[in-house]
C-alpha cells in the first residue's frame, strides 16, 4: 500500500545517516523551499502548509527514533534519541506558552504591518 522506501524508513530499517540526511535535513529543506511560495495572507494555504509540516515533523521523529538503533555508534544513537525527546519537550513548552499568552500570536495582518 505505501511505497517501500517509506515503510522501510518508518520501520527503522534504514541507516541512521540516511534517515538524518535524507528524511531529516532533505525533507526539511524541501518543505522550507515550498514555504517560500506560500502566501501567508491566504489563511487556507497557511493552514494546509502548517498541517503538512506537522505531519512531516511527526514522520521525521518516528523515522529518526527508530533508525537510531542502526547507528554504528551507540553514543550517537542515544544522542539522536535524546535530541528527539528534547525537541518534543520544547514543542510542548512552546504550545503551553502560546496557549497561556495568546497575545504572542500574530495574525497575518500584524505580520504585514511589521514589515
Protein backbone atom coordinates (compact mmCIF):
# COMPACT_ATOMS: atom_id res chain seq x y z
CA UNK A 1 0.00 0.00 0.00
CA UNK A 2 2.71 2.50 0.98
CA UNK A 3 5.92 2.89 -1.01
CA UNK A 4 8.69 0.57 0.15
CA UNK A 5 11.15 3.41 0.79
CA UNK A 6 8.68 4.97 3.23
CA UNK A 7 7.69 1.78 5.05
CA UNK A 8 11.33 0.74 5.48
CA UNK A 9 12.15 4.16 6.92
CA UNK A 10 9.14 4.14 9.25
CA UNK A 11 10.09 0.66 10.47
CA UNK A 12 13.63 1.83 11.22
CA UNK A 13 15.27 -0.36 8.60
CA UNK A 14 17.44 2.40 7.13
CA UNK A 15 20.85 3.53 8.34
CA UNK A 16 20.81 6.48 10.72
CA UNK A 17 22.90 8.54 8.31
CA UNK A 18 20.30 8.15 5.56
CA UNK A 19 17.46 8.84 7.98
CA UNK A 20 19.15 12.03 9.16
CA UNK A 21 20.37 13.45 5.85
CA UNK A 22 17.54 12.36 3.55
CA UNK A 23 14.43 12.19 5.72
CA UNK A 24 15.54 14.78 8.28
CA UNK A 25 17.56 17.50 6.58
CA UNK A 26 16.49 16.87 2.98
CA UNK A 27 12.77 16.86 3.67
CA UNK A 28 13.07 19.91 5.94
CA UNK A 29 14.91 21.89 3.27
CA UNK A 30 12.35 20.92 0.61
CA UNK A 31 9.49 21.87 2.95
CA UNK A 32 11.15 25.24 3.66
CA UNK A 33 11.60 25.95 -0.05
CA UNK A 34 7.90 25.25 -0.61
CA UNK A 35 7.19 27.62 2.28
CA UNK A 36 8.82 30.46 0.36
CA UNK A 37 5.94 30.28 -2.11
CA UNK A 38 3.09 30.07 0.43
CA UNK A 39 1.02 33.24 0.60
CA UNK A 40 0.73 33.94 4.35
CA UNK A 41 -2.22 36.25 3.71
CA UNK A 42 -4.18 33.25 2.39
CA UNK A 43 -5.33 31.60 5.63
CA UNK A 44 -6.31 28.32 3.94
CA UNK A 45 -2.91 27.93 2.26
CA UNK A 46 -1.16 28.73 5.53
CA UNK A 47 -3.21 26.20 7.49
CA UNK A 48 -2.58 23.49 4.89
CA UNK A 49 1.14 24.29 4.94
CA UNK A 50 1.25 24.07 8.74
CA UNK A 51 -0.71 20.80 8.83
CA UNK A 52 1.62 19.25 6.25
CA UNK A 53 4.59 20.50 8.28
CA UNK A 54 3.22 18.94 11.45
CA UNK A 55 2.68 15.62 9.68
CA UNK A 56 6.19 15.72 8.24
CA UNK A 57 7.60 16.51 11.68
CA UNK A 58 5.85 13.50 13.19
CA UNK A 59 7.12 11.24 10.38
CA UNK A 60 10.66 12.58 10.76
CA UNK A 61 10.58 11.98 14.51
CA UNK A 62 9.40 8.39 14.08
CA UNK A 63 11.96 7.67 11.36
CA UNK A 64 14.87 9.15 13.30
CA UNK A 65 13.85 7.49 16.57
CA UNK A 66 13.55 4.05 15.03
CA UNK A 67 16.67 4.42 12.89
CA UNK A 68 18.78 5.48 15.87
CA UNK A 69 19.34 1.82 16.73
CA UNK A 70 21.06 1.37 13.34
CA UNK A 71 23.84 3.77 14.25
CA UNK A 72 27.36 2.31 14.19
CA UNK A 73 27.97 4.28 17.39
CA UNK A 74 25.80 3.52 20.38
CA UNK A 75 26.55 7.02 21.73
CA UNK A 76 25.32 8.65 18.52
CA UNK A 77 22.09 6.64 18.61
CA UNK A 78 21.47 7.75 22.18
CA UNK A 79 22.29 11.34 21.27
CA UNK A 80 19.72 11.29 18.45
CA UNK A 81 17.04 9.92 20.77
CA UNK A 82 17.93 12.48 23.45
CA UNK A 83 17.61 15.31 20.93
CA UNK A 84 14.23 13.91 19.80
CA UNK A 85 12.96 13.94 23.40
CA UNK A 86 14.31 17.45 23.98
CA UNK A 87 12.58 18.65 20.81
CA UNK A 88 9.24 17.19 21.86
CA UNK A 89 9.57 18.80 25.30
CA UNK A 90 10.33 22.15 23.67
CA UNK A 91 7.29 21.85 21.39
CA UNK A 92 5.06 21.11 24.38
CA UNK A 93 6.56 24.05 26.28
CA UNK A 94 6.07 26.44 23.35
CA UNK A 95 2.46 25.32 22.89
CA UNK A 96 1.82 25.88 26.60
CA UNK A 97 3.35 29.38 26.50
CA UNK A 98 1.34 30.30 23.41
CA UNK A 99 -1.83 28.91 24.98
CA UNK A 100 -1.30 30.92 28.17
CA UNK A 101 -0.25 34.09 26.29
CA UNK A 102 -2.31 34.16 23.13
CA UNK A 103 -1.33 37.80 22.59
CA UNK A 104 2.07 36.47 21.48
CA UNK A 105 0.45 35.08 18.35
CA UNK A 106 0.49 37.48 15.43
CA UNK A 107 -2.19 37.48 12.78
CA UNK A 108 -1.12 37.75 9.15
CA UNK A 109 -2.37 41.38 9.22
CA UNK A 110 0.08 42.21 12.02
CA UNK A 111 2.91 40.44 10.21
CA UNK A 112 2.35 42.56 7.13
CA UNK A 113 2.37 45.77 9.22
CA UNK A 114 5.70 44.85 10.85
CA UNK A 115 7.44 44.53 7.51
